[in-house]
Amino acid sequence: MATDYDAPRKTDEELNEESIEELKARRVDKAASAVDVDETEAAENLELPGADLSNEEFSVRVQPQQADEFTCSRCFLVHHRSQLEKMVKGQPVCKECLA
């Protein structure tokens, strides 16, 4: 945030009054911004675990593992080589798994 060094400085009392006014204004804003949520509409969009998703199609572009990446033998996530902590029994292990 830019500071105007030529502007007159405010006293502590003026700053406290401003902050109180700002807090009161925020309280009013929060009360006014309450959103009415239709519970039935929210329930329709909720997917339960084990739901049948066999007819769903996903459009995610999957890239093959890059030359500077490895798959951790413990968490099975693909990490950048900089996250390689060490090899355990010839298998790569990431820093997060050994932390």
PDB file of N, CA and C in Angstrom:
ATOM      1  N   MET A   1       0.843  -1.171   0.000  1.00  0.00           N
ATOM      2  CA  MET A   1       0.000   0.000   0.000  1.00  0.00           C
ATOM      3  C   MET A   1       0.890   1.236   0.000  1.00  0.00           C
ATOM      4  N   ALA A   2       0.563   2.195  -0.830  1.00  0.00           N
ATOM      5  CA  ALA A   2       1.356   3.413  -0.933  1.00  0.00           C
ATOM      6  C   ALA A   2       1.098   4.307   0.273  1.00  0.00           C
ATOM      7  N   THR A   3       2.136   5.002   0.717  1.00  0.00           N
ATOM      8  CA  THR A   3       2.024   5.895   1.857  1.00  0.00           C
ATOM      9  C   THR A   3       2.275   7.318   1.399  1.00  0.00           C
ATOM     10  N   ASP A   4       1.372   8.206   1.777  1.00  0.00           N
ATOM     11  CA  ASP A   4       1.534   9.617   1.469  1.00  0.00           C
ATOM     12  C   ASP A   4       2.241  10.271   2.649  1.00  0.00           C
ATOM     13  N   TYR A   5       3.525  10.564   2.477  1.00  0.00           N
ATOM     14  CA  TYR A   5       4.312  11.118   3.571  1.00  0.00           C
ATOM     15  C   TYR A   5       4.019  12.590   3.828  1.00  0.00           C
ATOM     16  N   ASP A   6       3.334  13.265   2.893  1.00  0.00           N
ATOM     17  CA  ASP A   6       3.001  14.670   3.066  1.00  0.00           C
ATOM     18  C   ASP A   6       1.677  14.870   3.798  1.00  0.00           C
ATOM     19  N   ALA A   7       0.903  13.820   3.941  1.00  0.00           N
ATOM     20  CA  ALA A   7      -0.395  13.933   4.605  1.00  0.00           C
ATOM     21  C   ALA A   7      -0.189  14.127   6.107  1.00  0.00           C
ATOM     22  N   PRO A   8      -1.073  14.905   6.739  1.00  0.00           N
ATOM     23  CA  PRO A   8      -0.944  15.092   8.189  1.00  0.00           C
ATOM     24  C   PRO A   8      -1.183  13.773   8.916  1.00  0.00           C
ATOM     25  N   ARG A   9      -0.407  13.561   9.969  1.00  0.00           N
ATOM     26  CA  ARG A   9      -0.520  12.315  10.718  1.00  0.00           C
ATOM     27  C   ARG A   9      -1.678  12.388  11.696  1.00  0.00           C
ATOM     28  N   LYS A  10      -2.291  11.245  11.933  1.00  0.00           N
ATOM     29  CA  LYS A  10      -3.428  11.167  12.848  1.00  0.00           C
ATOM     30  C   LYS A  10      -2.937  10.770  14.231  1.00  0.00           C
ATOM     31  N   THR A  11      -3.654  11.229  15.226  1.00  0.00           N
ATOM     32  CA  THR A  11      -3.305  10.881  16.600  1.00  0.00           C
ATOM     33  C   THR A  11      -3.831   9.489  16.912  1.00  0.00           C
ATOM     34  N   ASP A  12      -3.385   8.918  18.023  1.00  0.00           N
ATOM     35  CA  ASP A  12      -3.857   7.592  18.440  1.00  0.00           C
ATOM     36  C   ASP A  12      -5.353   7.594  18.673  1.00  0.00           C
ATOM     37  N   GLU A  13      -5.865   8.697  19.204  1.00  0.00           N
ATOM     38  CA  GLU A  13      -7.300   8.774  19.473  1.00  0.00           C
ATOM     39  C   GLU A  13      -8.093   8.732  18.172  1.00  0.00           C
ATOM     40  N   GLU A  14      -7.618   9.447  17.148  1.00  0.00           N
ATOM     41  CA  GLU A  14      -8.296   9.438  15.855  1.00  0.00           C
ATOM     42  C   GLU A  14      -8.236   8.046  15.220  1.00  0.00           C
ATOM     43  N   LEU A  15      -7.116   7.380  15.369  1.00  0.00           N
ATOM     44  CA  LEU A  15      -6.980   6.029  14.815  1.00  0.00           C
ATOM     45  C   LEU A  15      -7.931   5.064  15.503  1.00  0.00           C
ATOM     46  N   ASN A  16      -8.068   5.162  16.830  1.00  0.00           N
ATOM     47  CA  ASN A  16      -8.983   4.288  17.565  1.00  0.00           C
ATOM     48  C   ASN A  16     -10.422   4.527  17.150  1.00  0.00           C
ATOM     49  N   GLU A  17     -10.802   5.803  16.957  1.00  0.00           N
ATOM     50  CA  GLU A  17     -12.165   6.112  16.532  1.00  0.00           C
ATOM     51  C   GLU A  17     -12.430   5.543  15.148  1.00  0.00           C
ATOM     52  N   GLU A  18     -11.457   5.673  14.252  1.00  0.00           N
ATOM     53  CA  GLU A  18     -11.628   5.126  12.908  1.00  0.00           C
ATOM     54  C   GLU A  18     -11.795   3.617  12.943  1.00  0.00           C
ATOM     55  N   SER A  19     -10.975   2.946  13.732  1.00  0.00           N
ATOM     56  CA  SER A  19     -11.051   1.496  13.762  1.00  0.00           C
ATOM     57  C   SER A  19     -12.373   1.020  14.349  1.00  0.00           C
ATOM     58  N   ILE A  20     -12.907   1.738  15.327  1.00  0.00           N
ATOM     59  CA  ILE A  20     -14.212   1.371  15.892  1.00  0.00           C
ATOM     60  C   ILE A  20     -15.293   1.533  14.840  1.00  0.00           C
ATOM     61  N   GLU A  21     -15.222   2.638  14.108  1.00  0.00           N
ATOM     62  CA  GLU A  21     -16.209   2.870  13.057  1.00  0.00           C
ATOM     63  C   GLU A  21     -16.106   1.805  11.969  1.00  0.00           C
ATOM     64  N   GLU A  22     -14.886   1.423  11.618  1.00  0.00           N
ATOM     65  CA  GLU A  22     -14.706   0.380  10.612  1.00  0.00           C
ATOM     66  C   GLU A  22     -15.280  -0.948  11.084  1.00  0.00           C
ATOM     67  N   LEU A  23     -15.065  -1.273  12.349  1.00  0.00           N
ATOM     68  CA  LEU A  23     -15.607  -2.522  12.881  1.00  0.00           C
ATOM     69  C   LEU A  23     -17.132  -2.506  12.870  1.00  0.00           C
ATOM     70  N   LYS A  24     -17.720  -1.380  13.225  1.00  0.00           N
ATOM     71  CA  LYS A  24     -19.186  -1.275  13.194  1.00  0.00           C
ATOM     72  C   LYS A  24     -19.699  -1.430  11.769  1.00  0.00           C
ATOM     73  N   ALA A  25     -18.991  -0.826  10.818  1.00  0.00           N
ATOM     74  CA  ALA A  25     -19.414  -0.929   9.420  1.00  0.00           C
ATOM     75  C   ALA A  25     -19.293  -2.367   8.922  1.00  0.00           C
ATOM     76  N   ARG A  26     -18.246  -3.056   9.325  1.00  0.00           N
ATOM     77  CA  ARG A  26     -18.078  -4.459   8.917  1.00  0.00           C
ATOM     78  C   ARG A  26     -19.188  -5.326   9.482  1.00  0.00           C
ATOM     79  N   ARG A  27     -19.588  -5.046  10.721  1.00  0.00           N
ATOM     80  CA  ARG A  27     -20.660  -5.826  11.339  1.00  0.00           C
ATOM     81  C   ARG A  27     -21.946  -5.671  10.542  1.00  0.00           C
ATOM     82  N   VAL A  28     -22.242  -4.458  10.106  1.00  0.00           N
ATOM     83  CA  VAL A  28     -23.437  -4.203   9.311  1.00  0.00           C
ATOM     84  C   VAL A  28     -23.313  -4.898   7.964  1.00  0.00           C
ATOM     85  N   ASP A  29     -22.129  -4.851   7.344  1.00  0.00           N
ATOM     86  CA  ASP A  29     -21.926  -5.493   6.049  1.00  0.00           C
ATOM     87  C   ASP A  29     -22.118  -7.001   6.139  1.00  0.00           C
ATOM     88  N   LYS A  30     -21.611  -7.611   7.196  1.00  0.00           N
ATOM     89  CA  LYS A  30     -21.753  -9.063   7.346  1.00  0.00           C
ATOM     90  C   LYS A  30     -23.210  -9.458   7.509  1.00  0.00           C
ATOM     91  N   ALA A  31     -23.972  -8.671   8.275  1.00  0.00           N
ATOM     92  CA  ALA A  31     -25.384  -8.982   8.474  1.00  0.00           C
ATOM     93  C   ALA A  31     -26.151  -8.832   7.175  1.00  0.00           C
ATOM     94  N   ALA A  32     -25.781  -7.856   6.366  1.00  0.00           N
ATOM     95  CA  ALA A  32     -26.481  -7.617   5.111  1.00  0.00           C
ATOM     96  C   ALA A  32     -26.114  -8.649   4.056  1.00  0.00           C
ATOM     97  N   SER A  33     -24.950  -9.268   4.168  1.00  0.00           N
ATOM     98  CA  SER A  33     -24.514 -10.197   3.137  1.00  0.00           C
ATOM     99  C   SER A  33     -24.897 -11.647   3.435  1.00  0.00           C
ATOM    100  N   ALA A  34     -25.776 -11.871   4.396  1.00  0.00           N
ATOM    101  CA  ALA A  34     -26.217 -13.226   4.693  1.00  0.00           C
ATOM    102  C   ALA A  34     -26.948 -13.792   3.480  1.00  0.00           C
ATOM    103  N   VAL A  35     -26.616 -15.003   3.084  1.00  0.00           N
ATOM    104  CA  VAL A  35     -27.182 -15.614   1.890  1.00  0.00           C
ATOM    105  C   VAL A  35     -28.158 -16.693   2.321  1.00  0.00           C
ATOM    106  N   ASP A  36     -29.332 -16.660   1.713  1.00  0.00           N
ATOM    107  CA  ASP A  36     -30.307 -17.708   1.974  1.00  0.00           C
ATOM    108  C   ASP A  36     -29.968 -18.902   1.097  1.00  0.00           C
ATOM    109  N   VAL A  37     -29.764 -20.063   1.713  1.00  0.00           N
ATOM    110  CA  VAL A  37     -29.399 -21.264   0.992  1.00  0.00           C
ATOM    111  C   VAL A  37     -30.603 -22.190   0.968  1.00  0.00           C
ATOM    112  N   ASP A  38     -30.962 -22.625  -0.220  1.00  0.00           N
ATOM    113  CA  ASP A  38     -32.052 -23.578  -0.363  1.00  0.00           C
ATOM    114  C   ASP A  38     -31.511 -24.965  -0.041  1.00  0.00           C
ATOM    115  N   GLU A  39     -31.962 -25.538   1.058  1.00  0.00           N
ATOM    116  CA  GLU A  39     -31.428 -26.826   1.511  1.00  0.00           C
ATOM    117  C   GLU A  39     -31.711 -27.953   0.536  1.00  0.00           C
ATOM    118  N   THR A  40     -32.842 -27.924  -0.117  1.00  0.00           N
ATOM    119  CA  THR A  40     -33.150 -29.008  -1.063  1.00  0.00           C
ATOM    120  C   THR A  40     -32.233 -28.932  -2.278  1.00  0.00           C
ATOM    121  N   GLU A  41     -31.927 -27.713  -2.742  1.00  0.00           N
ATOM    122  CA  GLU A  41     -31.026 -27.579  -3.884  1.00  0.00           C
ATOM    123  C   GLU A  41     -29.608 -28.005  -3.513  1.00  0.00           C
ATOM    124  N   ALA A  42     -29.189 -27.673  -2.313  1.00  0.00           N
ATOM    125  CA  ALA A  42     -27.867 -28.071  -1.860  1.00  0.00           C
ATOM    126  C   ALA A  42     -27.780 -29.594  -1.724  1.00  0.00           C
ATOM    127  N   ALA A  43     -28.835 -30.228  -1.281  1.00  0.00           N
ATOM    128  CA  ALA A  43     -28.846 -31.676  -1.112  1.00  0.00           C
ATOM    129  C   ALA A  43     -28.823 -32.391  -2.461  1.00  0.00           C
ATOM    130  N   GLU A  44     -29.438 -31.797  -3.482  1.00  0.00           N
ATOM    131  CA  GLU A  44     -29.440 -32.422  -4.805  1.00  0.00           C
ATOM    132  C   GLU A  44     -28.034 -32.452  -5.412  1.00  0.00           C
ATOM    133  N   ASN A  45     -27.237 -31.440  -5.130  1.00  0.00           N
ATOM    134  CA  ASN A  45     -25.893 -31.363  -5.695  1.00  0.00           C
ATOM    135  C   ASN A  45     -24.859 -32.129  -4.882  1.00  0.00           C
ATOM    136  N   LEU A  46     -25.243 -32.668  -3.752  1.00  0.00           N
ATOM    137  CA  LEU A  46     -24.335 -33.392  -2.875  1.00  0.00           C
ATOM    138  C   LEU A  46     -24.205 -34.835  -3.353  1.00  0.00           C
ATOM    139  N   GLU A  47     -22.963 -35.282  -3.527  1.00  0.00           N
ATOM    140  CA  GLU A  47     -22.737 -36.663  -3.947  1.00  0.00           C
ATOM    141  C   GLU A  47     -22.233 -37.464  -2.755  1.00  0.00           C
ATOM    142  N   LEU A  48     -22.868 -38.565  -2.501  1.00  0.00           N
ATOM    143  CA  LEU A  48     -22.502 -39.409  -1.381  1.00  0.00           C
ATOM    144  C   LEU A  48     -21.404 -40.386  -1.780  1.00  0.00           C
ATOM    145  N   PRO A  49     -20.580 -40.810  -0.823  1.00  0.00           N
ATOM    146  CA  PRO A  49     -19.561 -41.813  -1.120  1.00  0.00           C
ATOM    147  C   PRO A  49     -20.217 -43.106  -1.606  1.00  0.00           C
ATOM    148  N   GLY A  50     -19.613 -43.724  -2.585  1.00  0.00           N
ATOM    149  CA  GLY A  50     -20.159 -44.962  -3.118  1.00  0.00           C
ATOM    150  C   GLY A  50     -21.221 -44.741  -4.174  1.00  0.00           C
ATOM    151  N   ALA A  51     -21.439 -43.491  -4.573  1.00  0.00           N
ATOM    152  CA  ALA A  51     -22.435 -43.195  -5.592  1.00  0.00           C
ATOM    153  C   ALA A  51     -21.994 -43.779  -6.927  1.00  0.00           C
ATOM    154  N   ASP A  52     -22.946 -44.151  -7.753  1.00  0.00           N
ATOM    155  CA  ASP A  52     -22.649 -44.730  -9.060  1.00  0.00           C
ATOM    156  C   ASP A  52     -22.243 -43.622 -10.023  1.00  0.00           C
ATOM    157  N   LEU A  53     -20.974 -43.599 -10.391  1.00  0.00           N
ATOM    158  CA  LEU A  53     -20.459 -42.600 -11.313  1.00  0.00           C
ATOM    159  C   LEU A  53     -20.045 -43.222 -12.636  1.00  0.00           C
ATOM    160  N   SER A  54     -20.587 -44.389 -12.947  1.00  0.00           N
ATOM    161  CA  SER A  54     -20.176 -45.112 -14.146  1.00  0.00           C
ATOM    162  C   SER A  54     -20.551 -44.373 -15.428  1.00  0.00           C
ATOM    163  N   ASN A  55     -21.571 -43.546 -15.401  1.00  0.00           N
ATOM    164  CA  ASN A  55     -21.978 -42.838 -16.618  1.00  0.00           C
ATOM    165  C   ASN A  55     -21.373 -41.441 -16.700  1.00  0.00           C
ATOM    166  N   GLU A  56     -20.512 -41.075 -15.756  1.00  0.00           N
ATOM    167  CA  GLU A  56     -19.873 -39.763 -15.765  1.00  0.00           C
ATOM    168  C   GLU A  56     -18.617 -39.788 -16.632  1.00  0.00           C
ATOM    169  N   GLU A  57     -18.372 -38.695 -17.331  1.00  0.00           N
ATOM    170  CA  GLU A  57     -17.169 -38.563 -18.134  1.00  0.00           C
ATOM    171  C   GLU A  57     -16.341 -37.423 -17.565  1.00  0.00           C
ATOM    172  N   PHE A  58     -15.060 -37.660 -17.431  1.00  0.00           N
ATOM    173  CA  PHE A  58     -14.160 -36.654 -16.902  1.00  0.00           C
ATOM    174  C   PHE A  58     -13.270 -36.145 -18.022  1.00  0.00           C
ATOM    175  N   SER A  59     -13.045 -34.859 -18.039  1.00  0.00           N
ATOM    176  CA  SER A  59     -12.194 -34.276 -19.076  1.00  0.00           C
ATOM    177  C   SER A  59     -10.953 -33.682 -18.415  1.00  0.00           C
ATOM    178  N   VAL A  60     -10.078 -34.558 -17.963  1.00  0.00           N
ATOM    179  CA  VAL A  60      -8.840 -34.152 -17.318  1.00  0.00           C
ATOM    180  C   VAL A  60      -7.690 -34.585 -18.211  1.00  0.00           C
ATOM    181  N   ARG A  61      -6.802 -33.664 -18.492  1.00  0.00           N
ATOM    182  CA  ARG A  61      -5.647 -33.982 -19.321  1.00  0.00           C
ATOM    183  C   ARG A  61      -4.563 -34.566 -18.427  1.00  0.00           C
ATOM    184  N   VAL A  62      -4.178 -35.783 -18.670  1.00  0.00           N
ATOM    185  CA  VAL A  62      -3.163 -36.467 -17.878  1.00  0.00           C
ATOM    186  C   VAL A  62      -1.857 -36.448 -18.648  1.00  0.00           C
ATOM    187  N   GLN A  63      -0.816 -35.961 -17.980  1.00  0.00           N
ATOM    188  CA  GLN A  63       0.498 -35.923 -18.604  1.00  0.00           C
ATOM    189  C   GLN A  63       1.335 -37.063 -18.049  1.00  0.00           C
ATOM    190  N   PRO A  64       2.172 -37.659 -18.879  1.00  0.00           N
ATOM    191  CA  PRO A  64       3.055 -38.707 -18.377  1.00  0.00           C
ATOM    192  C   PRO A  64       4.102 -38.110 -17.437  1.00  0.00           C
ATOM    193  N   GLN A  65       4.673 -38.951 -16.615  1.00  0.00           N
ATOM    194  CA  GLN A  65       5.704 -38.512 -15.682  1.00  0.00           C
ATOM    195  C   GLN A  65       6.868 -37.905 -16.454  1.00  0.00           C
ATOM    196  N   GLN A  66       7.316 -36.737 -16.016  1.00  0.00           N
ATOM    197  CA  GLN A  66       8.395 -36.024 -16.691  1.00  0.00           C
ATOM    198  C   GLN A  66       9.754 -36.567 -16.244  1.00  0.00           C
ATOM    199  N   ALA A  67      10.795 -36.204 -16.973  1.00  0.00           N
ATOM    200  CA  ALA A  67      12.144 -36.705 -16.692  1.00  0.00           C
ATOM    201  C   ALA A  67      12.660 -36.217 -15.340  1.00  0.00           C
ATOM    202  N   ASP A  68      12.178 -35.061 -14.872  1.00  0.00           N
ATOM    203  CA  ASP A  68      12.649 -34.522 -13.593  1.00  0.00           C
ATOM    204  C   ASP A  68      11.686 -34.828 -12.442  1.00  0.00           C
ATOM    205  N   GLU A  69      10.866 -35.849 -12.599  1.00  0.00           N
ATOM    206  CA  GLU A  69       9.906 -36.242 -11.566  1.00  0.00           C
ATOM    207  C   GLU A  69      10.118 -37.695 -11.165  1.00  0.00           C
ATOM    208  N   PHE A  70       9.599 -38.048  -9.997  1.00  0.00           N
ATOM    209  CA  PHE A  70       9.641 -39.433  -9.534  1.00  0.00           C
ATOM    210  C   PHE A  70       8.355 -39.731  -8.779  1.00  0.00           C
ATOM    211  N   THR A  71       8.038 -41.014  -8.647  1.00  0.00           N
ATOM    212  CA  THR A  71       6.883 -41.442  -7.884  1.00  0.00           C
ATOM    213  C   THR A  71       7.362 -42.008  -6.560  1.00  0.00           C
ATOM    214  N   CYS A  72       6.869 -41.446  -5.474  1.00  0.00           N
ATOM    215  CA  CYS A  72       7.267 -41.897  -4.139  1.00  0.00           C
ATOM    216  C   CYS A  72       6.743 -43.315  -3.915  1.00  0.00           C
ATOM    217  N   SER A  73       7.585 -44.164  -3.343  1.00  0.00           N
ATOM    218  CA  SER A  73       7.189 -45.558  -3.116  1.00  0.00           C
ATOM    219  C   SER A  73       6.302 -45.717  -1.885  1.00  0.00           C
ATOM    220  N   ARG A  74       6.121 -44.656  -1.109  1.00  0.00           N
ATOM    221  CA  ARG A  74       5.270 -44.741   0.085  1.00  0.00           C
ATOM    222  C   ARG A  74       3.909 -44.077  -0.126  1.00  0.00           C
ATOM    223  N   CYS A  75       3.897 -42.835  -0.623  1.00  0.00           N
ATOM    224  CA  CYS A  75       2.617 -42.137  -0.797  1.00  0.00           C
ATOM    225  C   CYS A  75       2.094 -42.226  -2.233  1.00  0.00           C
ATOM    226  N   PHE A  76       2.926 -42.713  -3.155  1.00  0.00           N
ATOM    227  CA  PHE A  76       2.571 -42.914  -4.560  1.00  0.00           C
ATOM    228  C   PHE A  76       2.199 -41.621  -5.279  1.00  0.00           C
ATOM    229  N   LEU A  77       2.676 -40.484  -4.778  1.00  0.00           N
ATOM    230  CA  LEU A  77       2.477 -39.211  -5.456  1.00  0.00           C
ATOM    231  C   LEU A  77       3.686 -38.910  -6.324  1.00  0.00           C
ATOM    232  N   VAL A  78       3.436 -38.198  -7.404  1.00  0.00           N
ATOM    233  CA  VAL A  78       4.521 -37.797  -8.289  1.00  0.00           C
ATOM    234  C   VAL A  78       5.069 -36.465  -7.775  1.00  0.00           C
ATOM    235  N   HIS A  79       6.386 -36.430  -7.532  1.00  0.00           N
ATOM    236  CA  HIS A  79       7.057 -35.245  -7.006  1.00  0.00           C
ATOM    237  C   HIS A  79       8.174 -34.824  -7.953  1.00  0.00           C
ATOM    238  N   HIS A  80       8.603 -33.582  -7.807  1.00  0.00           N
ATOM    239  CA  HIS A  80       9.780 -33.092  -8.525  1.00  0.00           C
ATOM    240  C   HIS A  80      11.019 -33.704  -7.871  1.00  0.00           C
ATOM    241  N   ARG A  81      12.073 -33.849  -8.632  1.00  0.00           N
ATOM    242  CA  ARG A  81      13.318 -34.455  -8.110  1.00  0.00           C
ATOM    243  C   ARG A  81      13.844 -33.735  -6.874  1.00  0.00           C
ATOM    244  N   SER A  82      13.555 -32.456  -6.720  1.00  0.00           N
ATOM    245  CA  SER A  82      14.021 -31.716  -5.550  1.00  0.00           C
ATOM    246  C   SER A  82      13.377 -32.224  -4.263  1.00  0.00           C
ATOM    247  N   GLN A  83      12.277 -32.974  -4.346  1.00  0.00           N
ATOM    248  CA  GLN A  83      11.599 -33.520  -3.177  1.00  0.00           C
ATOM    249  C   GLN A  83      12.091 -34.917  -2.804  1.00  0.00           C
ATOM    250  N   LEU A  84      13.034 -35.456  -3.572  1.00  0.00           N
ATOM    251  CA  LEU A  84      13.568 -36.788  -3.288  1.00  0.00           C
ATOM    252  C   LEU A  84      14.456 -36.730  -2.050  1.00  0.00           C
ATOM    253  N   GLU A  85      14.081 -37.465  -1.010  1.00  0.00           N
ATOM    254  CA  GLU A  85      14.862 -37.491   0.230  1.00  0.00           C
ATOM    255  C   GLU A  85      15.968 -38.525   0.142  1.00  0.00           C
ATOM    256  N   LYS A  86      15.580 -39.775  -0.140  1.00  0.00           N
ATOM    257  CA  LYS A  86      16.590 -40.821  -0.303  1.00  0.00           C
ATOM    258  C   LYS A  86      15.950 -42.049  -0.916  1.00  0.00           C
ATOM    259  N   MET A  87      16.797 -42.992  -1.268  1.00  0.00           N
ATOM    260  CA  MET A  87      16.344 -44.267  -1.823  1.00  0.00           C
ATOM    261  C   MET A  87      16.316 -45.273  -0.678  1.00  0.00           C
ATOM    262  N   VAL A  88      15.194 -45.955  -0.508  1.00  0.00           N
ATOM    263  CA  VAL A  88      15.065 -46.989   0.520  1.00  0.00           C
ATOM    264  C   VAL A  88      14.835 -48.306  -0.209  1.00  0.00           C
ATOM    265  N   LYS A  89      15.786 -49.202  -0.083  1.00  0.00           N
ATOM    266  CA  LYS A  89      15.740 -50.498  -0.771  1.00  0.00           C
ATOM    267  C   LYS A  89      15.550 -50.320  -2.270  1.00  0.00           C
ATOM    268  N   GLY A  90      16.241 -49.329  -2.817  1.00  0.00           N
ATOM    269  CA  GLY A  90      16.185 -49.079  -4.254  1.00  0.00           C
ATOM    270  C   GLY A  90      14.935 -48.349  -4.718  1.00  0.00           C
ATOM    271  N   GLN A  91      14.069 -47.935  -3.808  1.00  0.00           N
ATOM    272  CA  GLN A  91      12.832 -47.237  -4.160  1.00  0.00           C
ATOM    273  C   GLN A  91      12.909 -45.784  -3.676  1.00  0.00           C
ATOM    274  N   PRO A  92      12.473 -44.839  -4.495  1.00  0.00           N
ATOM    275  CA  PRO A  92      12.530 -43.423  -4.087  1.00  0.00           C
ATOM    276  C   PRO A  92      11.485 -43.100  -3.023  1.00  0.00           C
ATOM    277  N   VAL A  93      11.893 -42.263  -2.043  1.00  0.00           N
ATOM    278  CA  VAL A  93      10.986 -41.819  -0.978  1.00  0.00           C
ATOM    279  C   VAL A  93      11.087 -40.301  -0.892  1.00  0.00           C
ATOM    280  N   CYS A  94       9.950 -39.624  -0.817  1.00  0.00           N
ATOM    281  CA  CYS A  94       9.922 -38.165  -0.808  1.00  0.00           C
ATOM    282  C   CYS A  94      10.211 -37.624   0.602  1.00  0.00           C
ATOM    283  N   LYS A  95      10.480 -36.330   0.677  1.00  0.00           N
ATOM    284  CA  LYS A  95      10.780 -35.672   1.943  1.00  0.00           C
ATOM    285  C   LYS A  95       9.593 -35.696   2.896  1.00  0.00           C
ATOM    286  N   GLU A  96       8.386 -35.595   2.377  1.00  0.00           N
ATOM    287  CA  GLU A  96       7.193 -35.575   3.213  1.00  0.00           C
ATOM    288  C   GLU A  96       6.984 -36.916   3.929  1.00  0.00           C
ATOM    289  N   CYS A  97       7.310 -37.997   3.276  1.00  0.00           N
ATOM    290  CA  CYS A  97       7.109 -39.317   3.885  1.00  0.00           C
ATOM    291  C   CYS A  97       8.135 -39.611   4.966  1.00  0.00           C
ATOM    292  N   LEU A  98       9.310 -39.019   4.881  1.00  0.00           N
ATOM    293  CA  LEU A  98      10.335 -39.250   5.884  1.00  0.00           C
ATOM    294  C   LEU A  98      10.340 -38.179   6.956  1.00  0.00           C
ATOM    295  N   ALA A  99       9.455 -37.193   6.841  1.00  0.00           N
ATOM    296  CA  ALA A  99       9.401 -36.117   7.838  1.00  0.00           C
ATOM    297  C   ALA A  99       8.714 -36.580   9.111  1.00  0.00           C
TER     298      ALA A  99
END
